[in-house]
Amino acid sequence: MADIDLALLCDARGFLKNSQIWTDAIAEALATEENINLTPEHWEILHLLRSYYDEFEESPANRALVNWVKRHKGADKGNSIYLMHLFPGSPARVGSRIAGLPKPKNCL
């Protein structure tokens, strides 16, 4: 994998400036900065985050993310504990960042 210069691609908060250029390689680079090793479970949520963004034109806050995942993948995955395990700290913020989306409005 070629080195990706995230400093050129991301804003001051570490979010991708243009979500349209997002690739698996960029996601891997962003995840590495978060000390996350992406698994199939992570990818599943990243794609759900992107589908949420495609439908609503904004990144979800935590509660909206939990509800979106629950709606599409069931209660076993659509809960805060599961999402916190995958994306520690703030699943909506960290997940959106790795998914190449803007920072959710209600996240610090």
N, C-alpha and C. Protein backbone atom coordinates (compact mmCIF):
# COMPACT_ATOMS: atom_id res chain seq x y z
N MET A 1 0.85 -1.19 0.00
CA MET A 1 0.00 0.00 0.00
C MET A 1 0.89 1.24 0.00
N ALA A 2 0.59 2.17 -0.87
CA ALA A 2 1.35 3.42 -0.95
C ALA A 2 1.08 4.26 0.29
N ASP A 3 2.10 5.04 0.66
CA ASP A 3 1.91 5.95 1.79
C ASP A 3 0.88 7.01 1.43
N ILE A 4 -0.02 7.27 2.35
CA ILE A 4 -1.06 8.26 2.14
C ILE A 4 -0.77 9.44 3.06
N ASP A 5 -0.68 10.63 2.49
CA ASP A 5 -0.42 11.83 3.28
C ASP A 5 -1.76 12.39 3.78
N LEU A 6 -2.17 11.93 4.95
CA LEU A 6 -3.44 12.37 5.51
C LEU A 6 -3.46 13.86 5.80
N ALA A 7 -2.31 14.45 6.07
CA ALA A 7 -2.25 15.90 6.34
C ALA A 7 -2.77 16.70 5.16
N LEU A 8 -2.56 16.21 3.96
CA LEU A 8 -3.06 16.91 2.77
C LEU A 8 -4.54 16.65 2.52
N LEU A 9 -5.02 15.50 2.95
CA LEU A 9 -6.40 15.08 2.65
C LEU A 9 -7.41 15.48 3.72
N CYS A 10 -6.91 15.76 4.94
CA CYS A 10 -7.81 15.97 6.07
C CYS A 10 -7.78 17.41 6.57
N ASP A 11 -8.85 17.79 7.26
CA ASP A 11 -8.92 19.11 7.86
C ASP A 11 -8.14 19.10 9.18
N ALA A 12 -8.17 20.21 9.89
CA ALA A 12 -7.40 20.34 11.13
C ALA A 12 -7.84 19.35 12.21
N ARG A 13 -9.08 18.86 12.13
CA ARG A 13 -9.59 17.90 13.11
C ARG A 13 -9.39 16.45 12.69
N GLY A 14 -8.79 16.25 11.52
CA GLY A 14 -8.50 14.90 11.07
C GLY A 14 -9.59 14.24 10.23
N PHE A 15 -10.57 15.03 9.81
CA PHE A 15 -11.65 14.50 8.97
C PHE A 15 -11.33 14.76 7.51
N LEU A 16 -11.64 13.80 6.67
CA LEU A 16 -11.39 13.92 5.24
C LEU A 16 -12.11 15.15 4.69
N LYS A 17 -11.40 15.96 3.92
CA LYS A 17 -11.98 17.18 3.35
C LYS A 17 -13.02 16.87 2.29
N ASN A 18 -12.84 15.79 1.56
CA ASN A 18 -13.74 15.42 0.46
C ASN A 18 -14.10 13.95 0.61
N SER A 19 -15.32 13.67 1.02
CA SER A 19 -15.73 12.28 1.26
C SER A 19 -15.75 11.44 -0.01
N GLN A 20 -15.76 12.09 -1.17
CA GLN A 20 -15.81 11.38 -2.45
C GLN A 20 -14.49 10.68 -2.79
N ILE A 21 -13.39 11.09 -2.16
CA ILE A 21 -12.11 10.46 -2.47
C ILE A 21 -11.80 9.28 -1.55
N TRP A 22 -12.71 8.97 -0.63
CA TRP A 22 -12.52 7.89 0.34
C TRP A 22 -12.29 6.57 -0.36
N THR A 23 -11.31 5.84 0.12
CA THR A 23 -11.00 4.50 -0.38
C THR A 23 -10.71 3.59 0.82
N ASP A 24 -10.62 2.31 0.55
CA ASP A 24 -10.26 1.37 1.61
C ASP A 24 -8.89 1.73 2.20
N ALA A 25 -7.96 2.13 1.34
CA ALA A 25 -6.62 2.48 1.82
C ALA A 25 -6.65 3.71 2.73
N ILE A 26 -7.47 4.69 2.38
CA ILE A 26 -7.60 5.88 3.24
C ILE A 26 -8.24 5.47 4.56
N ALA A 27 -9.25 4.62 4.52
CA ALA A 27 -9.89 4.14 5.75
C ALA A 27 -8.87 3.44 6.64
N GLU A 28 -8.04 2.60 6.05
CA GLU A 28 -7.00 1.89 6.82
C GLU A 28 -6.04 2.89 7.46
N ALA A 29 -5.63 3.92 6.72
CA ALA A 29 -4.72 4.93 7.26
C ALA A 29 -5.36 5.70 8.40
N LEU A 30 -6.61 6.08 8.25
CA LEU A 30 -7.32 6.80 9.31
C LEU A 30 -7.50 5.91 10.53
N ALA A 31 -7.82 4.64 10.30
CA ALA A 31 -7.99 3.70 11.42
C ALA A 31 -6.68 3.51 12.17
N THR A 32 -5.58 3.46 11.45
CA THR A 32 -4.27 3.32 12.09
C THR A 32 -4.02 4.49 13.03
N GLU A 33 -4.40 5.70 12.61
CA GLU A 33 -4.24 6.87 13.49
C GLU A 33 -5.08 6.75 14.75
N GLU A 34 -6.20 6.00 14.68
CA GLU A 34 -7.07 5.79 15.84
C GLU A 34 -6.69 4.53 16.62
N ASN A 35 -5.59 3.88 16.20
CA ASN A 35 -5.15 2.61 16.81
C ASN A 35 -6.22 1.52 16.69
N ILE A 36 -6.86 1.48 15.54
CA ILE A 36 -7.88 0.48 15.26
C ILE A 36 -7.43 -0.37 14.08
N ASN A 37 -7.50 -1.68 14.25
CA ASN A 37 -7.22 -2.62 13.18
C ASN A 37 -8.57 -3.04 12.60
N LEU A 38 -8.86 -2.62 11.37
CA LEU A 38 -10.18 -2.86 10.79
C LEU A 38 -10.43 -4.34 10.53
N THR A 39 -11.59 -4.80 11.01
CA THR A 39 -12.06 -6.16 10.82
C THR A 39 -13.32 -6.11 9.96
N PRO A 40 -13.83 -7.25 9.54
CA PRO A 40 -15.10 -7.23 8.79
C PRO A 40 -16.24 -6.53 9.55
N GLU A 41 -16.23 -6.63 10.88
CA GLU A 41 -17.26 -5.96 11.67
C GLU A 41 -17.14 -4.44 11.57
N HIS A 42 -15.91 -3.94 11.56
CA HIS A 42 -15.69 -2.50 11.38
C HIS A 42 -16.19 -2.06 10.00
N TRP A 43 -15.80 -2.80 8.97
CA TRP A 43 -16.19 -2.44 7.60
C TRP A 43 -17.71 -2.39 7.47
N GLU A 44 -18.38 -3.32 8.12
CA GLU A 44 -19.85 -3.34 8.06
C GLU A 44 -20.43 -2.02 8.58
N ILE A 45 -19.90 -1.55 9.69
CA ILE A 45 -20.39 -0.29 10.28
C ILE A 45 -19.94 0.91 9.44
N LEU A 46 -18.73 0.87 8.91
CA LEU A 46 -18.27 1.97 8.06
C LEU A 46 -19.18 2.13 6.84
N HIS A 47 -19.58 1.03 6.24
CA HIS A 47 -20.47 1.11 5.08
C HIS A 47 -21.87 1.59 5.49
N LEU A 48 -22.31 1.22 6.68
CA LEU A 48 -23.59 1.74 7.18
C LEU A 48 -23.51 3.24 7.44
N LEU A 49 -22.38 3.69 7.98
CA LEU A 49 -22.19 5.13 8.18
C LEU A 49 -22.29 5.87 6.85
N ARG A 50 -21.65 5.34 5.82
CA ARG A 50 -21.68 5.98 4.51
C ARG A 50 -23.09 5.94 3.91
N SER A 51 -23.83 4.86 4.15
CA SER A 51 -25.21 4.81 3.63
C SER A 51 -26.09 5.82 4.36
N TYR A 52 -25.86 6.02 5.66
CA TYR A 52 -26.59 7.04 6.41
C TYR A 52 -26.30 8.42 5.80
N TYR A 53 -25.02 8.69 5.56
CA TYR A 53 -24.64 9.97 4.98
C TYR A 53 -25.27 10.16 3.59
N ASP A 54 -25.28 9.11 2.79
CA ASP A 54 -25.88 9.20 1.46
C ASP A 54 -27.37 9.54 1.55
N GLU A 55 -28.05 9.00 2.55
CA GLU A 55 -29.49 9.25 2.68
C GLU A 55 -29.82 10.59 3.31
N PHE A 56 -29.07 11.00 4.33
CA PHE A 56 -29.42 12.19 5.10
C PHE A 56 -28.49 13.38 4.89
N GLU A 57 -27.41 13.20 4.14
CA GLU A 57 -26.43 14.25 3.84
C GLU A 57 -25.81 14.87 5.08
N GLU A 58 -25.65 14.05 6.12
CA GLU A 58 -24.93 14.44 7.31
C GLU A 58 -24.48 13.17 8.03
N SER A 59 -23.46 13.32 8.85
CA SER A 59 -23.00 12.19 9.65
C SER A 59 -23.90 12.04 10.86
N PRO A 60 -24.16 10.80 11.28
CA PRO A 60 -25.08 10.61 12.41
C PRO A 60 -24.43 10.90 13.76
N ALA A 61 -25.22 11.40 14.69
CA ALA A 61 -24.80 11.47 16.08
C ALA A 61 -24.88 10.04 16.64
N ASN A 62 -24.38 9.82 17.84
CA ASN A 62 -24.34 8.46 18.39
C ASN A 62 -25.71 7.79 18.43
N ARG A 63 -26.70 8.46 18.94
CA ARG A 63 -28.04 7.85 19.04
C ARG A 63 -28.59 7.48 17.67
N ALA A 64 -28.42 8.37 16.70
CA ALA A 64 -28.89 8.08 15.34
C ALA A 64 -28.12 6.90 14.74
N LEU A 65 -26.82 6.82 15.03
CA LEU A 65 -26.02 5.70 14.54
C LEU A 65 -26.51 4.38 15.13
N VAL A 66 -26.73 4.36 16.43
CA VAL A 66 -27.23 3.14 17.08
C VAL A 66 -28.55 2.71 16.43
N ASN A 67 -29.46 3.64 16.24
CA ASN A 67 -30.75 3.32 15.64
C ASN A 67 -30.61 2.85 14.19
N TRP A 68 -29.72 3.46 13.43
CA TRP A 68 -29.49 3.09 12.03
C TRP A 68 -28.95 1.66 11.95
N VAL A 69 -27.96 1.36 12.81
CA VAL A 69 -27.38 0.02 12.81
C VAL A 69 -28.42 -1.01 13.25
N LYS A 70 -29.19 -0.67 14.28
CA LYS A 70 -30.24 -1.58 14.76
C LYS A 70 -31.25 -1.86 13.64
N ARG A 71 -31.62 -0.84 12.92
CA ARG A 71 -32.59 -0.99 11.82
C ARG A 71 -32.06 -1.91 10.72
N HIS A 72 -30.77 -1.82 10.42
CA HIS A 72 -30.20 -2.56 9.29
C HIS A 72 -29.52 -3.87 9.68
N LYS A 73 -29.08 -3.99 10.94
CA LYS A 73 -28.33 -5.19 11.33
C LYS A 73 -28.86 -5.87 12.59
N GLY A 74 -29.90 -5.30 13.20
CA GLY A 74 -30.49 -5.92 14.38
C GLY A 74 -29.93 -5.38 15.68
N ALA A 75 -30.59 -5.77 16.77
CA ALA A 75 -30.26 -5.25 18.10
C ALA A 75 -28.90 -5.74 18.61
N ASP A 76 -28.43 -6.89 18.14
CA ASP A 76 -27.12 -7.37 18.59
C ASP A 76 -26.00 -6.42 18.21
N LYS A 77 -26.13 -5.77 17.07
CA LYS A 77 -25.11 -4.83 16.61
C LYS A 77 -25.55 -3.38 16.81
N GLY A 78 -26.83 -3.14 16.86
CA GLY A 78 -27.36 -1.79 17.01
C GLY A 78 -27.51 -1.42 18.47
N ASN A 79 -26.37 -1.37 19.16
CA ASN A 79 -26.37 -0.93 20.55
C ASN A 79 -25.04 -0.26 20.86
N SER A 80 -25.05 0.58 21.86
CA SER A 80 -23.87 1.38 22.19
C SER A 80 -22.66 0.54 22.59
N ILE A 81 -22.87 -0.55 23.30
CA ILE A 81 -21.76 -1.37 23.77
C ILE A 81 -21.00 -1.97 22.59
N TYR A 82 -21.74 -2.53 21.64
CA TYR A 82 -21.12 -3.13 20.46
C TYR A 82 -20.33 -2.07 19.68
N LEU A 83 -20.94 -0.92 19.45
CA LEU A 83 -20.29 0.13 18.67
C LEU A 83 -19.09 0.73 19.41
N MET A 84 -19.18 0.86 20.73
CA MET A 84 -18.04 1.36 21.52
C MET A 84 -16.87 0.38 21.47
N HIS A 85 -17.17 -0.90 21.40
CA HIS A 85 -16.11 -1.91 21.29
C HIS A 85 -15.34 -1.73 19.97
N LEU A 86 -16.06 -1.42 18.90
CA LEU A 86 -15.43 -1.24 17.59
C LEU A 86 -14.74 0.11 17.45
N PHE A 87 -15.40 1.16 17.94
CA PHE A 87 -14.92 2.54 17.77
C PHE A 87 -14.92 3.23 19.14
N PRO A 88 -13.89 2.96 19.96
CA PRO A 88 -13.83 3.49 21.33
C PRO A 88 -13.89 5.03 21.37
N GLY A 89 -14.47 5.50 22.46
CA GLY A 89 -14.58 6.94 22.67
C GLY A 89 -15.92 7.45 22.22
N SER A 90 -16.07 7.62 20.94
CA SER A 90 -17.33 8.08 20.34
C SER A 90 -17.51 7.36 19.01
N PRO A 91 -18.33 6.32 18.99
CA PRO A 91 -18.51 5.57 17.74
C PRO A 91 -18.92 6.46 16.55
N ALA A 92 -19.75 7.45 16.78
CA ALA A 92 -20.18 8.31 15.68
C ALA A 92 -19.02 9.16 15.16
N ARG A 93 -18.25 9.74 16.07
CA ARG A 93 -17.13 10.59 15.65
C ARG A 93 -16.01 9.77 15.03
N VAL A 94 -15.57 8.75 15.73
CA VAL A 94 -14.45 7.93 15.25
C VAL A 94 -14.85 7.18 13.98
N GLY A 95 -16.04 6.59 13.99
CA GLY A 95 -16.51 5.86 12.82
C GLY A 95 -16.67 6.76 11.61
N SER A 96 -17.25 7.93 11.81
CA SER A 96 -17.42 8.88 10.70
C SER A 96 -16.08 9.31 10.14
N ARG A 97 -15.12 9.53 11.03
CA ARG A 97 -13.78 9.93 10.57
C ARG A 97 -13.18 8.85 9.68
N ILE A 98 -13.21 7.60 10.14
CA ILE A 98 -12.63 6.51 9.37
C ILE A 98 -13.42 6.26 8.09
N ALA A 99 -14.73 6.52 8.13
CA ALA A 99 -15.58 6.34 6.95
C ALA A 99 -15.43 7.49 5.96
N GLY A 100 -14.59 8.47 6.29
CA GLY A 100 -14.34 9.58 5.37
C GLY A 100 -15.43 10.63 5.34
N LEU A 101 -16.20 10.70 6.41
CA LEU A 101 -17.34 11.62 6.47
C LEU A 101 -17.03 12.82 7.37
N PRO A 102 -17.82 13.89 7.27
CA PRO A 102 -17.62 15.04 8.15
C PRO A 102 -17.90 14.69 9.60
N LYS A 103 -17.36 15.49 10.49
CA LYS A 103 -17.62 15.32 11.92
C LYS A 103 -19.11 15.51 12.20
N PRO A 104 -19.72 14.58 12.95
CA PRO A 104 -21.13 14.78 13.31
C PRO A 104 -21.32 16.10 14.05
N LYS A 105 -22.41 16.77 13.81
CA LYS A 105 -22.65 18.10 14.37
C LYS A 105 -22.60 18.13 15.89
N ASN A 106 -23.12 17.11 16.56
CA ASN A 106 -23.23 17.15 18.02
C ASN A 106 -22.07 16.47 18.73
N CYS A 107 -21.00 16.17 18.04
CA CYS A 107 -19.85 15.52 18.67
C CYS A 107 -18.76 16.54 18.97
N LEU A 108 -18.11 16.34 20.11
CA LEU A 108 -17.01 17.24 20.50
C LEU A 108 -15.76 16.90 19.71
